[in-house]
C-alpha atoms as a PDB file:
ATOM      1  CA  UNK A   1      95.029  82.101 107.006  1.00  0.00           C
ATOM      2  CA  UNK A   2      93.102  79.937 103.380  1.00  0.00           C
ATOM      3  CA  UNK A   3      90.003  81.886 104.182  1.00  0.00           C
ATOM      4  CA  UNK A   4      91.094  85.863 104.642  1.00  0.00           C
ATOM      5  CA  UNK A   5      93.457  84.970 101.814  1.00  0.00           C
ATOM      6  CA  UNK A   6      90.380  84.075  99.212  1.00  0.00           C
ATOM      7  CA  UNK A   7      88.447  87.139 100.921  1.00  0.00           C
ATOM      8  CA  UNK A   8      91.038  89.556  99.647  1.00  0.00           C
ATOM      9  CA  UNK A   9      91.222  87.520  95.997  1.00  0.00           C
ATOM     10  CA  UNK A  10      87.371  87.986  96.160  1.00  0.00           C
ATOM     11  CA  UNK A  11      88.071  91.972  97.139  1.00  0.00           C
ATOM     12  CA  UNK A  12      90.555  93.006  95.206  1.00  0.00           C
ATOM     13  CA  UNK A  13      91.020  90.149  92.740  1.00  0.00           C
ATOM     14  CA  UNK A  14      93.790  87.907  91.406  1.00  0.00           C
ATOM     15  CA  UNK A  15      96.570  90.757  90.799  1.00  0.00           C
ATOM     16  CA  UNK A  16      96.119  91.921  94.707  1.00  0.00           C
ATOM     17  CA  UNK A  17      99.420  91.942  96.414  1.00  0.00           C
ATOM     18  CA  UNK A  18     100.156  90.481  99.864  1.00  0.00           C
ATOM     19  CA  UNK A  19     101.866  92.738 101.866  1.00  0.00           C
ATOM     20  CA  UNK A  20     101.667  91.404 105.465  1.00  0.00           C
ATOM     21  CA  UNK A  21      99.980  88.071 107.379  1.00  0.00           C
ATOM     22  CA  UNK A  22      99.423  88.094 111.197  1.00  0.00           C
ATOM     23  CA  UNK A  23      97.312  86.047 113.789  1.00  0.00           C
ATOM     24  CA  UNK A  24      95.948  88.669 116.318  1.00  0.00           C
ATOM     25  CA  UNK A  25      93.797  88.143 119.526  1.00  0.00           C
ATOM     26  CA  UNK A  26      90.361  90.194 119.584  1.00  0.00           C
ATOM     27  CA  UNK A  27      88.420  90.497 122.972  1.00  0.00           C
ATOM     28  CA  UNK A  28      84.528  89.640 122.575  1.00  0.00           C
ATOM     29  CA  UNK A  29      81.567  91.219 124.278  1.00  0.00           C
ATOM     30  CA  UNK A  30      81.909  89.838 127.690  1.00  0.00           C
ATOM     31  CA  UNK A  31      84.216  91.699 129.104  1.00  0.00           C
ATOM     32  CA  UNK A  32      87.435  90.658 130.148  1.00  0.00           C
ATOM     33  CA  UNK A  33      87.360  88.051 127.266  1.00  0.00           C
ATOM     34  CA  UNK A  34      88.635  86.816 123.978  1.00  0.00           C
ATOM     35  CA  UNK A  35      86.744  85.426 121.572  1.00  0.00           C
ATOM     36  CA  UNK A  36      89.831  83.500 119.571  1.00  0.00           C
ATOM     37  CA  UNK A  37      92.416  84.720 116.839  1.00  0.00           C
ATOM     38  CA  UNK A  38      91.797  85.813 113.872  1.00  0.00           C
ATOM     39  CA  UNK A  39      94.005  86.512 111.081  1.00  0.00           C
ATOM     40  CA  UNK A  40      94.916  90.117 109.849  1.00  0.00           C
ATOM     41  CA  UNK A  41      95.563  90.473 106.054  1.00  0.00           C
ATOM     42  CA  UNK A  42      97.300  93.569 104.141  1.00  0.00           C
ATOM     43  CA  UNK A  43      97.263  93.635 100.681  1.00  0.00           C
ATOM     44  CA  UNK A  44      96.396  96.268  97.634  1.00  0.00           C
ATOM     45  CA  UNK A  45      96.757  95.845  94.221  1.00  0.00           C
ATOM     46  CA  UNK A  46      98.779  98.120  91.768  1.00  0.00           C
ATOM     47  CA  UNK A  47      96.017 100.962  90.860  1.00  0.00           C
ATOM     48  CA  UNK A  48      93.785 100.697  93.476  1.00  0.00           C
ATOM     49  CA  UNK A  49      89.842 102.900  92.939  1.00  0.00           C
ATOM     50  CA  UNK A  50      90.376 103.668  96.237  1.00  0.00           C
ATOM     51  CA  UNK A  51      92.539 103.547  99.096  1.00  0.00           C
ATOM     52  CA  UNK A  52      92.424 100.318 101.130  1.00  0.00           C
ATOM     53  CA  UNK A  53      89.958 100.115 104.446  1.00  0.00           C
ATOM     54  CA  UNK A  54      93.088 100.285 107.250  1.00  0.00           C
ATOM     55  CA  UNK A  55      94.366 103.739 105.925  1.00  0.00           C
ATOM     56  CA  UNK A  56      92.108 106.897 106.467  1.00  0.00           C
ATOM     57  CA  UNK A  57      90.927 108.705 103.506  1.00  0.00           C
ATOM     58  CA  UNK A  58      92.525 111.649 104.680  1.00  0.00           C
ATOM     59  CA  UNK A  59      96.002 110.476 105.508  1.00  0.00           C
ATOM     60  CA  UNK A  60      95.831 108.698 102.013  1.00  0.00           C
ATOM     61  CA  UNK A  61      94.925 112.415  99.882  1.00  0.00           C
ATOM     62  CA  UNK A  62      97.602 114.263 101.583  1.00  0.00           C
ATOM     63  CA  UNK A  63     100.142 111.855 101.134  1.00  0.00           C
ATOM     64  CA  UNK A  64      99.471 112.099  97.004  1.00  0.00           C
ATOM     65  CA  UNK A  65      99.430 115.593  97.372  1.00  0.00           C
ATOM     66  CA  UNK A  66     103.143 115.294  99.143  1.00  0.00           C
ATOM     67  CA  UNK A  67     104.451 113.131  96.302  1.00  0.00           C
ATOM     68  CA  UNK A  68     104.155 115.643  93.567  1.00  0.00           C
ATOM     69  CA  UNK A  69     104.222 114.825  90.230  1.00  0.00           C
ATOM     70  CA  UNK A  70     103.668 111.721  88.908  1.00  0.00           C
ATOM     71  CA  UNK A  71     107.234 109.151  88.507  1.00  0.00           C
ATOM     72  CA  UNK A  72     108.802 112.032  90.940  1.00  0.00           C
ATOM     73  CA  UNK A  73     110.590 109.884  93.828  1.00  0.00           C
ATOM     74  CA  UNK A  74     111.014 111.997  96.783  1.00  0.00           C
ATOM     75  CA  UNK A  75     111.507 109.499 100.053  1.00  0.00           C
ATOM     76  CA  UNK A  76     112.719 111.964 102.099  1.00  0.00           C
ATOM     77  CA  UNK A  77     109.298 113.463 102.792  1.00  0.00           C
ATOM     78  CA  UNK A  78     108.325 110.287 104.072  1.00  0.00           C
ATOM     79  CA  UNK A  79     108.813 110.242 107.724  1.00  0.00           C
ATOM     80  CA  UNK A  80     108.874 106.474 108.010  1.00  0.00           C
ATOM     81  CA  UNK A  81     111.289 106.525 105.233  1.00  0.00           C
ATOM     82  CA  UNK A  82     113.633 109.541 106.856  1.00  0.00           C
ATOM     83  CA  UNK A  83     113.882 107.632 110.524  1.00  0.00           C
ATOM     84  CA  UNK A  84     114.972 104.755 108.455  1.00  0.00           C
ATOM     85  CA  UNK A  85     117.654 106.182 106.734  1.00  0.00           C
ATOM     86  CA  UNK A  86     118.659 108.300 110.032  1.00  0.00           C
ATOM     87  CA  UNK A  87     119.897 105.585 112.410  1.00  0.00           C
ATOM     88  CA  UNK A  88     122.690 105.551 110.353  1.00  0.00           C
ATOM     89  CA  UNK A  89     122.842 101.865 108.133  1.00  0.00           C
ATOM     90  CA  UNK A  90     125.497 101.591 105.647  1.00  0.00           C
ATOM     91  CA  UNK A  91     124.791 103.693 102.388  1.00  0.00           C
ATOM     92  CA  UNK A  92     124.875 100.550 100.378  1.00  0.00           C
ATOM     93  CA  UNK A  93     121.960  98.471 102.389  1.00  0.00           C
ATOM     94  CA  UNK A  94     119.934 101.996 102.108  1.00  0.00           C
ATOM     95  CA  UNK A  95     120.177 102.596  99.194  1.00  0.00           C
ATOM     96  CA  UNK A  96     118.660  98.648  98.565  1.00  0.00           C
ATOM     97  CA  UNK A  97     116.259  99.025 100.719  1.00  0.00           C
ATOM     98  CA  UNK A  98     114.591 102.806  99.158  1.00  0.00           C
ATOM     99  CA  UNK A  99     114.648 101.502  95.956  1.00  0.00           C
ATOM    100  CA  UNK A 100     112.105  98.620  96.896  1.00  0.00           C
ATOM    101  CA  UNK A 101     110.182 100.844  99.326  1.00  0.00           C
ATOM    102  CA  UNK A 102     109.933 103.126  96.022  1.00  0.00           C
ATOM    103  CA  UNK A 103     108.524 100.068  94.471  1.00  0.00           C
ATOM    104  CA  UNK A 104     105.864  99.670  96.969  1.00  0.00           C
ATOM    105  CA  UNK A 105     104.546 102.941  96.829  1.00  0.00           C
ATOM    106  CA  UNK A 106     104.170 102.916  93.553  1.00  0.00           C
ATOM    107  CA  UNK A 107     102.110  99.585  93.394  1.00  0.00           C
ATOM    108  CA  UNK A 108     100.148 101.042  96.374  1.00  0.00           C
ATOM    109  CA  UNK A 109      99.598 104.660  95.202  1.00  0.00           C
ATOM    110  CA  UNK A 110     100.279 106.336  98.020  1.00  0.00           C
ATOM    111  CA  UNK A 111     103.096 106.075 100.647  1.00  0.00           C
ATOM    112  CA  UNK A 112     102.328 102.882 102.922  1.00  0.00           C
ATOM    113  CA  UNK A 113     101.416 101.997 105.832  1.00  0.00           C
ATOM    114  CA  UNK A 114     104.133 101.662 108.470  1.00  0.00           C
ATOM    115  CA  UNK A 115     103.947  98.220 108.844  1.00  0.00           C
ATOM    116  CA  UNK A 116     104.592  97.647 105.544  1.00  0.00           C
ATOM    117  CA  UNK A 117     107.738  99.679 105.786  1.00  0.00           C
ATOM    118  CA  UNK A 118     108.509  97.379 109.464  1.00  0.00           C
ATOM    119  CA  UNK A 119     108.396  93.946 107.523  1.00  0.00           C
ATOM    120  CA  UNK A 120     110.754  95.266 104.764  1.00  0.00           C
ATOM    121  CA  UNK A 121     113.244  96.325 106.631  1.00  0.00           C
ATOM    122  CA  UNK A 122     112.742  93.346 109.046  1.00  0.00           C
ATOM    123  CA  UNK A 123     113.348  90.965 106.213  1.00  0.00           C
ATOM    124  CA  UNK A 124     116.212  92.576 104.882  1.00  0.00           C
ATOM    125  CA  UNK A 125     117.878  92.737 107.761  1.00  0.00           C
ATOM    126  CA  UNK A 126     117.822  89.046 108.599  1.00  0.00           C
ATOM    127  CA  UNK A 127     118.679  88.228 105.252  1.00  0.00           C
ATOM    128  CA  UNK A 128     121.791  90.560 105.367  1.00  0.00           C
ATOM    129  CA  UNK A 129     123.086  88.675 108.652  1.00  0.00           C
ATOM    130  CA  UNK A 130     125.020  85.695 108.933  1.00  0.00           C
ATOM    131  CA  UNK A 131     125.263  83.617 112.108  1.00  0.00           C
ATOM    132  CA  UNK A 132     126.894  81.028 113.080  1.00  0.00           C
ATOM    133  CA  UNK A 133     125.660  77.657 113.267  1.00  0.00           C
ATOM    134  CA  UNK A 134     125.256  76.009 116.891  1.00  0.00           C
ATOM    135  CA  UNK A 135     128.301  73.782 118.697  1.00  0.00           C
ATOM    136  CA  UNK A 136     128.602  71.223 116.532  1.00  0.00           C
ATOM    137  CA  UNK A 137     129.873  67.512 117.314  1.00  0.00           C
ATOM    138  CA  UNK A 138     134.112  66.467 117.005  1.00  0.00           C
ATOM    139  CA  UNK A 139     136.756  68.530 119.222  1.00  0.00           C
ATOM    140  CA  UNK A 140     137.216  72.487 118.841  1.00  0.00           C
ATOM    141  CA  UNK A 141     139.683  74.969 119.476  1.00  0.00           C
ATOM    142  CA  UNK A 142     138.561  78.195 120.388  1.00  0.00           C
ATOM    143  CA  UNK A 143     140.871  81.245 120.802  1.00  0.00           C
ATOM    144  CA  UNK A 144     139.096  84.567 121.698  1.00  0.00           C
ATOM    145  CA  UNK A 145     140.840  87.776 120.595  1.00  0.00           C
ATOM    146  CA  UNK A 146     140.166  91.496 120.309  1.00  0.00           C
ATOM    147  CA  UNK A 147     140.916  94.710 121.849  1.00  0.00           C
ATOM    148  CA  UNK A 148     141.445  95.566 125.800  1.00  0.00           C
ATOM    149  CA  UNK A 149     138.723  96.001 127.939  1.00  0.00           C
ATOM    150  CA  UNK A 150     135.866  94.076 125.244  1.00  0.00           C
ATOM    151  CA  UNK A 151     135.464  90.602 127.908  1.00  0.00           C
ATOM    152  CA  UNK A 152     137.101  88.239 126.261  1.00  0.00           C
ATOM    153  CA  UNK A 153     137.767  86.213 129.736  1.00  0.00           C
ATOM    154  CA  UNK A 154     134.395  86.453 131.006  1.00  0.00           C
ATOM    155  CA  UNK A 155     132.732  85.613 127.448  1.00  0.00           C
ATOM    156  CA  UNK A 156     135.529  82.678 127.799  1.00  0.00           C
ATOM    157  CA  UNK A 157     134.278  82.039 131.246  1.00  0.00           C
ATOM    158  CA  UNK A 158     130.669  82.106 130.224  1.00  0.00           C
ATOM    159  CA  UNK A 159     130.771  79.144 127.122  1.00  0.00           C
ATOM    160  CA  UNK A 160     133.176  77.684 129.348  1.00  0.00           C
ATOM    161  CA  UNK A 161     129.866  77.524 131.779  1.00  0.00           C
ATOM    162  CA  UNK A 162     127.883  76.907 129.362  1.00  0.00           C
ATOM    163  CA  UNK A 163     129.342  73.606 127.780  1.00  0.00           C
ATOM    164  CA  UNK A 164     130.582  72.020 130.726  1.00  0.00           C
ATOM    165  CA  UNK A 165     127.513  72.627 132.928  1.00  0.00           C
ATOM    166  CA  UNK A 166     124.805  72.302 130.603  1.00  0.00           C
ATOM    167  CA  UNK A 167     125.980  70.301 127.694  1.00  0.00           C
ATOM    168  CA  UNK A 168     128.756  67.950 129.404  1.00  0.00           C
ATOM    169  CA  UNK A 169     131.887  68.554 127.463  1.00  0.00           C
ATOM    170  CA  UNK A 170     134.923  68.244 128.401  1.00  0.00           C
ATOM    171  CA  UNK A 171     136.666  71.585 128.121  1.00  0.00           C
ATOM    172  CA  UNK A 172     139.870  72.575 129.062  1.00  0.00           C
ATOM    173  CA  UNK A 173     141.000  76.663 129.722  1.00  0.00           C
ATOM    174  CA  UNK A 174     144.273  78.071 128.502  1.00  0.00           C
ATOM    175  CA  UNK A 175     145.828  81.027 128.687  1.00  0.00           C
ATOM    176  CA  UNK A 176     148.435  83.097 127.139  1.00  0.00           C
ATOM    177  CA  UNK A 177     147.728  86.551 128.648  1.00  0.00           C
ATOM    178  CA  UNK A 178     150.497  86.920 130.599  1.00  0.00           C
ATOM    179  CA  UNK A 179     150.893  90.649 129.740  1.00  0.00           C
ATOM    180  CA  UNK A 180     147.829  91.891 131.916  1.00  0.00           C
ATOM    181  CA  UNK A 181     148.226  91.715 135.782  1.00  0.00           C
ATOM    182  CA  UNK A 182     146.019  89.854 137.410  1.00  0.00           C
ATOM    183  CA  UNK A 183     144.970  87.727 134.142  1.00  0.00           C
ATOM    184  CA  UNK A 184     146.079  84.630 135.202  1.00  0.00           C
ATOM    185  CA  UNK A 185     144.386  84.495 138.362  1.00  0.00           C
ATOM    186  CA  UNK A 186     140.308  85.732 137.263  1.00  0.00           C
ATOM    187  CA  UNK A 187     140.901  82.755 134.442  1.00  0.00           C
ATOM    188  CA  UNK A 188     142.129  80.218 137.634  1.00  0.00           C
ATOM    189  CA  UNK A 189     139.129  81.454 140.087  1.00  0.00           C
ATOM    190  CA  UNK A 190     136.535  80.377 137.034  1.00  0.00           C
ATOM    191  CA  UNK A 191     138.333  77.342 136.444  1.00  0.00           C
ATOM    192  CA  UNK A 192     138.524  76.561 140.325  1.00  0.00           C
ATOM    193  CA  UNK A 193     134.670  76.979 140.520  1.00  0.00           C
ATOM    194  CA  UNK A 194     134.247  75.048 137.427  1.00  0.00           C
ATOM    195  CA  UNK A 195     136.153  71.839 138.089  1.00  0.00           C
ATOM    196  CA  UNK A 196     137.621  73.286 135.369  1.00  0.00           C
ATOM    197  CA  UNK A 197     141.631  72.204 134.665  1.00  0.00           C
ATOM    198  CA  UNK A 198     143.699  75.101 133.330  1.00  0.00           C
ATOM    199  CA  UNK A 199     147.318  75.686 132.022  1.00  0.00           C
ATOM    200  CA  UNK A 200     149.279  78.505 131.064  1.00  0.00           C
ATOM    201  CA  UNK A 201     151.406  78.965 127.812  1.00  0.00           C
ATOM    202  CA  UNK A 202     154.074  81.743 128.100  1.00  0.00           C
ATOM    203  CA  UNK A 203     155.731  80.463 124.357  1.00  0.00           C
ATOM    204  CA  UNK A 204     154.109  78.936 121.090  1.00  0.00           C
ATOM    205  CA  UNK A 205     155.808  75.863 121.632  1.00  0.00           C
ATOM    206  CA  UNK A 206     154.079  75.395 124.963  1.00  0.00           C
ATOM    207  CA  UNK A 207     150.972  76.480 123.700  1.00  0.00           C
ATOM    208  CA  UNK A 208     151.667  73.617 120.647  1.00  0.00           C
ATOM    209  CA  UNK A 209     152.715  71.193 123.761  1.00  0.00           C
ATOM    210  CA  UNK A 210     149.259  71.605 125.872  1.00  0.00           C
ATOM    211  CA  UNK A 211     147.408  71.231 122.533  1.00  0.00           C
ATOM    212  CA  UNK A 212     148.236  68.354 121.399  1.00  0.00           C
ATOM    213  CA  UNK A 213     147.927  66.951 125.242  1.00  0.00           C
ATOM    214  CA  UNK A 214     144.684  67.834 125.409  1.00  0.00           C
ATOM    215  CA  UNK A 215     143.614  66.179 122.436  1.00  0.00           C
ATOM    216  CA  UNK A 216     141.006  64.302 124.114  1.00  0.00           C
ATOM    217  CA  UNK A 217     139.303  67.139 125.176  1.00  0.00           C
ATOM    218  CA  UNK A 218     135.949  68.165 123.430  1.00  0.00           C
ATOM    219  CA  UNK A 219     136.801  71.513 123.691  1.00  0.00           C
ATOM    220  CA  UNK A 220     139.583  73.895 124.470  1.00  0.00           C
ATOM    221  CA  UNK A 221     139.305  77.393 125.235  1.00  0.00           C
ATOM    222  CA  UNK A 222     142.254  80.087 124.635  1.00  0.00           C
ATOM    223  CA  UNK A 223     142.247  83.619 126.608  1.00  0.00           C
ATOM    224  CA  UNK A 224     144.554  86.036 124.725  1.00  0.00           C
ATOM    225  CA  UNK A 225     145.433  89.347 126.465  1.00  0.00           C
ATOM    226  CA  UNK A 226     143.779  92.251 124.348  1.00  0.00           C
ATOM    227  CA  UNK A 227     145.968  93.925 122.130  1.00  0.00           C
ATOM    228  CA  UNK A 228     146.288  97.447 120.254  1.00  0.00           C
ATOM    229  CA  UNK A 229     145.312  96.871 117.086  1.00  0.00           C
ATOM    230  CA  UNK A 230     147.150  99.867 115.681  1.00  0.00           C
ATOM    231  CA  UNK A 231     150.708  98.136 116.882  1.00  0.00           C
ATOM    232  CA  UNK A 232     151.745  95.651 113.933  1.00  0.00           C
ATOM    233  CA  UNK A 233     153.726  94.081 116.388  1.00  0.00           C
ATOM    234  CA  UNK A 234     151.799  92.874 118.741  1.00  0.00           C
ATOM    235  CA  UNK A 235     149.204  91.301 116.158  1.00  0.00           C
ATOM    236  CA  UNK A 236     151.854  89.805 114.511  1.00  0.00           C
ATOM    237  CA  UNK A 237     152.798  88.460 117.983  1.00  0.00           C
ATOM    238  CA  UNK A 238     149.765  86.725 118.334  1.00  0.00           C
ATOM    239  CA  UNK A 239     149.506  85.602 115.023  1.00  0.00           C
ATOM    240  CA  UNK A 240     152.448  83.369 115.878  1.00  0.00           C
ATOM    241  CA  UNK A 241     150.565  82.028 118.179  1.00  0.00           C
ATOM    242  CA  UNK A 242     147.317  81.039 117.220  1.00  0.00           C
ATOM    243  CA  UNK A 243     148.714  79.515 114.248  1.00  0.00           C
ATOM    244  CA  UNK A 244     150.587  77.072 116.080  1.00  0.00           C
ATOM    245  CA  UNK A 245     147.906  74.645 115.344  1.00  0.00           C
ATOM    246  CA  UNK A 246     145.747  74.339 112.175  1.00  0.00           C
ATOM    247  CA  UNK A 247     142.192  73.662 114.078  1.00  0.00           C
ATOM    248  CA  UNK A 248     142.630  76.651 116.162  1.00  0.00           C
ATOM    249  CA  UNK A 249     139.527  78.810 115.421  1.00  0.00           C
ATOM    250  CA  UNK A 250     139.646  82.603 115.926  1.00  0.00           C
ATOM    251  CA  UNK A 251     136.455  84.225 117.350  1.00  0.00           C
ATOM    252  CA  UNK A 252     136.937  88.483 117.627  1.00  0.00           C
ATOM    253  CA  UNK A 253     135.241  90.107 120.570  1.00  0.00           C
ATOM    254  CA  UNK A 254     134.083  92.979 120.614  1.00  0.00           C
ATOM    255  CA  UNK A 255     132.140  95.169 122.291  1.00  0.00           C
ATOM    256  CA  UNK A 256     128.749  96.890 121.602  1.00  0.00           C
ATOM    257  CA  UNK A 257     129.290 100.360 122.742  1.00  0.00           C
ATOM    258  CA  UNK A 258     132.644 101.493 120.535  1.00  0.00           C
ATOM    259  CA  UNK A 259     131.391 103.813 117.551  1.00  0.00           C
ATOM    260  CA  UNK A 260     131.117 102.474 113.812  1.00  0.00           C
ATOM    261  CA  UNK A 261     134.484 103.791 112.836  1.00  0.00           C
ATOM    262  CA  UNK A 262     136.186 102.487 115.782  1.00  0.00           C
ATOM    263  CA  UNK A 263     134.419  99.156 115.236  1.00  0.00           C
ATOM    264  CA  UNK A 264     135.628  98.863 111.618  1.00  0.00           C
ATOM    265  CA  UNK A 265     139.162  99.600 112.219  1.00  0.00           C
ATOM    266  CA  UNK A 266     139.515  96.402 114.988  1.00  0.00           C
ATOM    267  CA  UNK A 267     137.685  94.447 112.581  1.00  0.00           C
ATOM    268  CA  UNK A 268     140.085  95.414 109.250  1.00  0.00           C
ATOM    269  CA  UNK A 269     143.371  95.277 112.107  1.00  0.00           C
ATOM    270  CA  UNK A 270     142.155  92.048 113.368  1.00  0.00           C
ATOM    271  CA  UNK A 271     141.181  90.424 110.454  1.00  0.00           C
ATOM    272  CA  UNK A 272     145.363  89.739 109.703  1.00  0.00           C
ATOM    273  CA  UNK A 273     144.327  86.803 111.824  1.00  0.00           C
ATOM    274  CA  UNK A 274     141.486  84.252 109.993  1.00  0.00           C
ATOM    275  CA  UNK A 275     138.358  85.335 111.721  1.00  0.00           C
ATOM    276  CA  UNK A 276     135.912  82.640 112.301  1.00  0.00           C
ATOM    277  CA  UNK A 277     133.204  84.903 113.677  1.00  0.00           C
ATOM    278  CA  UNK A 278     132.154  87.651 115.884  1.00  0.00           C
ATOM    279  CA  UNK A 279     131.365  87.956 119.710  1.00  0.00           C
ATOM    280  CA  UNK A 280     129.245  90.901 120.684  1.00  0.00           C
ATOM    281  CA  UNK A 281     129.168  92.234 124.164  1.00  0.00           C
ATOM    282  CA  UNK A 282     128.086  94.510 126.401  1.00  0.00           C
ATOM    283  CA  UNK A 283     124.284  94.604 124.183  1.00  0.00           C
ATOM    284  CA  UNK A 284     122.950  95.511 128.085  1.00  0.00           C
ATOM    285  CA  UNK A 285     124.904  98.632 128.242  1.00  0.00           C
ATOM    286  CA  UNK A 286     123.918 100.910 124.895  1.00  0.00           C
ATOM    287  CA  UNK A 287     120.523 101.837 123.315  1.00  0.00           C
ATOM    288  CA  UNK A 288     122.911 101.692 119.313  1.00  0.00           C
ATOM    289  CA  UNK A 289     123.341  98.427 117.327  1.00  0.00           C
ATOM    290  CA  UNK A 290     123.523  99.879 113.972  1.00  0.00           C
ATOM    291  CA  UNK A 291     127.150  99.937 114.295  1.00  0.00           C
ATOM    292  CA  UNK A 292     127.520  96.250 115.234  1.00  0.00           C
ATOM    293  CA  UNK A 293     125.207  95.699 111.819  1.00  0.00           C
ATOM    294  CA  UNK A 294     127.216  97.845 109.632  1.00  0.00           C
ATOM    295  CA  UNK A 295     130.595  95.715 110.807  1.00  0.00           C
ATOM    296  CA  UNK A 296     128.578  92.208 109.639  1.00  0.00           C
ATOM    297  CA  UNK A 297     127.731  93.902 106.507  1.00  0.00           C
ATOM    298  CA  UNK A 298     131.222  95.459 105.548  1.00  0.00           C
ATOM    299  CA  UNK A 299     133.164  92.254 106.766  1.00  0.00           C
ATOM    300  CA  UNK A 300     131.497  89.097 105.918  1.00  0.00           C
ATOM    301  CA  UNK A 301     132.012  86.930 108.868  1.00  0.00           C
ATOM    302  CA  UNK A 302     129.113  84.753 110.984  1.00  0.00           C
ATOM    303  CA  UNK A 303     127.908  86.768 114.291  1.00  0.00           C
ATOM    304  CA  UNK A 304     128.247  83.498 117.173  1.00  0.00           C
ATOM    305  CA  UNK A 305     127.140  85.048 120.629  1.00  0.00           C
ATOM    306  CA  UNK A 306     126.212  88.367 122.511  1.00  0.00           C
ATOM    307  CA  UNK A 307     126.861  88.456 125.904  1.00  0.00           C
ATOM    308  CA  UNK A 308     124.024  91.416 128.274  1.00  0.00           C
ATOM    309  CA  UNK A 309     125.613  91.573 131.601  1.00  0.00           C
ATOM    310  CA  UNK A 310     128.045  89.593 134.056  1.00  0.00           C
ATOM    311  CA  UNK A 311     126.359  86.853 135.696  1.00  0.00           C
ATOM    312  CA  UNK A 312     128.152  83.848 134.389  1.00  0.00           C
ATOM    313  CA  UNK A 313     126.940  81.836 132.745  1.00  0.00           C
ATOM    314  CA  UNK A 314     123.367  83.238 132.048  1.00  0.00           C
ATOM    315  CA  UNK A 315     124.364  85.875 130.760  1.00  0.00           C
ATOM    316  CA  UNK A 316     125.056  85.158 126.881  1.00  0.00           C
ATOM    317  CA  UNK A 317     122.691  83.873 124.304  1.00  0.00           C
ATOM    318  CA  UNK A 318     123.680  82.220 120.874  1.00  0.00           C
ATOM    319  CA  UNK A 319     122.777  85.003 118.032  1.00  0.00           C
ATOM    320  CA  UNK A 320     119.998  84.469 115.497  1.00  0.00           C
ATOM    321  CA  UNK A 321     118.902  86.478 112.517  1.00  0.00           C
ATOM    322  CA  UNK A 322     115.156  87.492 114.402  1.00  0.00           C
ATOM    323  CA  UNK A 323     117.323  88.867 117.660  1.00  0.00           C
ATOM    324  CA  UNK A 324     119.947  91.622 115.279  1.00  0.00           C
ATOM    325  CA  UNK A 325     117.286  92.232 113.549  1.00  0.00           C
ATOM    326  CA  UNK A 326     114.869  93.620 116.186  1.00  0.00           C
ATOM    327  CA  UNK A 327     118.384  94.881 118.318  1.00  0.00           C
ATOM    328  CA  UNK A 328     117.954  97.271 115.003  1.00  0.00           C
ATOM    329  CA  UNK A 329     114.290  98.223 115.201  1.00  0.00           C
ATOM    330  CA  UNK A 330     113.715  98.949 118.332  1.00  0.00           C
ATOM    331  CA  UNK A 331     116.224 102.282 117.280  1.00  0.00           C
ATOM    332  CA  UNK A 332     113.508 103.033 114.926  1.00  0.00           C
ATOM    333  CA  UNK A 333     110.346 105.311 116.656  1.00  0.00           C
ATOM    334  CA  UNK A 334     107.828 103.745 114.472  1.00  0.00           C
ATOM    335  CA  UNK A 335     105.051 106.094 115.504  1.00  0.00           C
END
């Protein structure tokens, strides 16, 4: 890498701009073998006399003609920029990104190579997303809230199995879902399989007693009934339950299959309770992840977990900035 960067300075001068670097494998002269790692550096100067070697001359010349008069910004004519715009990211994010792309184009003197756009977008996506830290030491009380049908109970069971079987945490399962038929039986089945205690709280006072009785446990996981976010009364009832103890952390569970507008409404309505993090389910059931990202921008709360199937506990993962960025990038046709 050091040698490659020296060569860039020798060829393009000290004012060269490094756009991206990566290590690659190249085939050797012997069929089927590799001659080891190589370094690829994409760089440019502010006003190159000729296009860099990786851009075909015909491509650069054609794009200069399309750009029109000097200093006229027409990013919509760039197919790669248009693809970024078309995926539906929130306007504030897109506008900031387009300003950077325009600056990049001016520095290069031609429409930049797709890798430059992709690398820039990846960086900005990762910067914009906040993710929760892994489980830390100390007792925790997590409540799983959200609309109906998003997989709150299954997500709870996956985390219970993960922390109990893999991290040997002492866990008690609690449910306040006495509305849904079979809800208690479903959680009771998970508790029996995992060998964990299960408590049922019918009232606010009962929930408080159960929490105090299980103060020796590492983790208390509270299952709640799915609530209609458009009914203030049921949300107020839920809030009454979950403010019974100051250590309760509310995790909003949402489905990746929901539309952008519906997700925004869900987050807005449930934000009457203090939200610790988002947990996104069913990412394996869709290929549209921009609505998730948009909520992370609109409502600045960290994303903690993603689930991608029904298996307990396998189909759950700790959210990372890189994972979220890749979900968005994979929606864009770069070639």
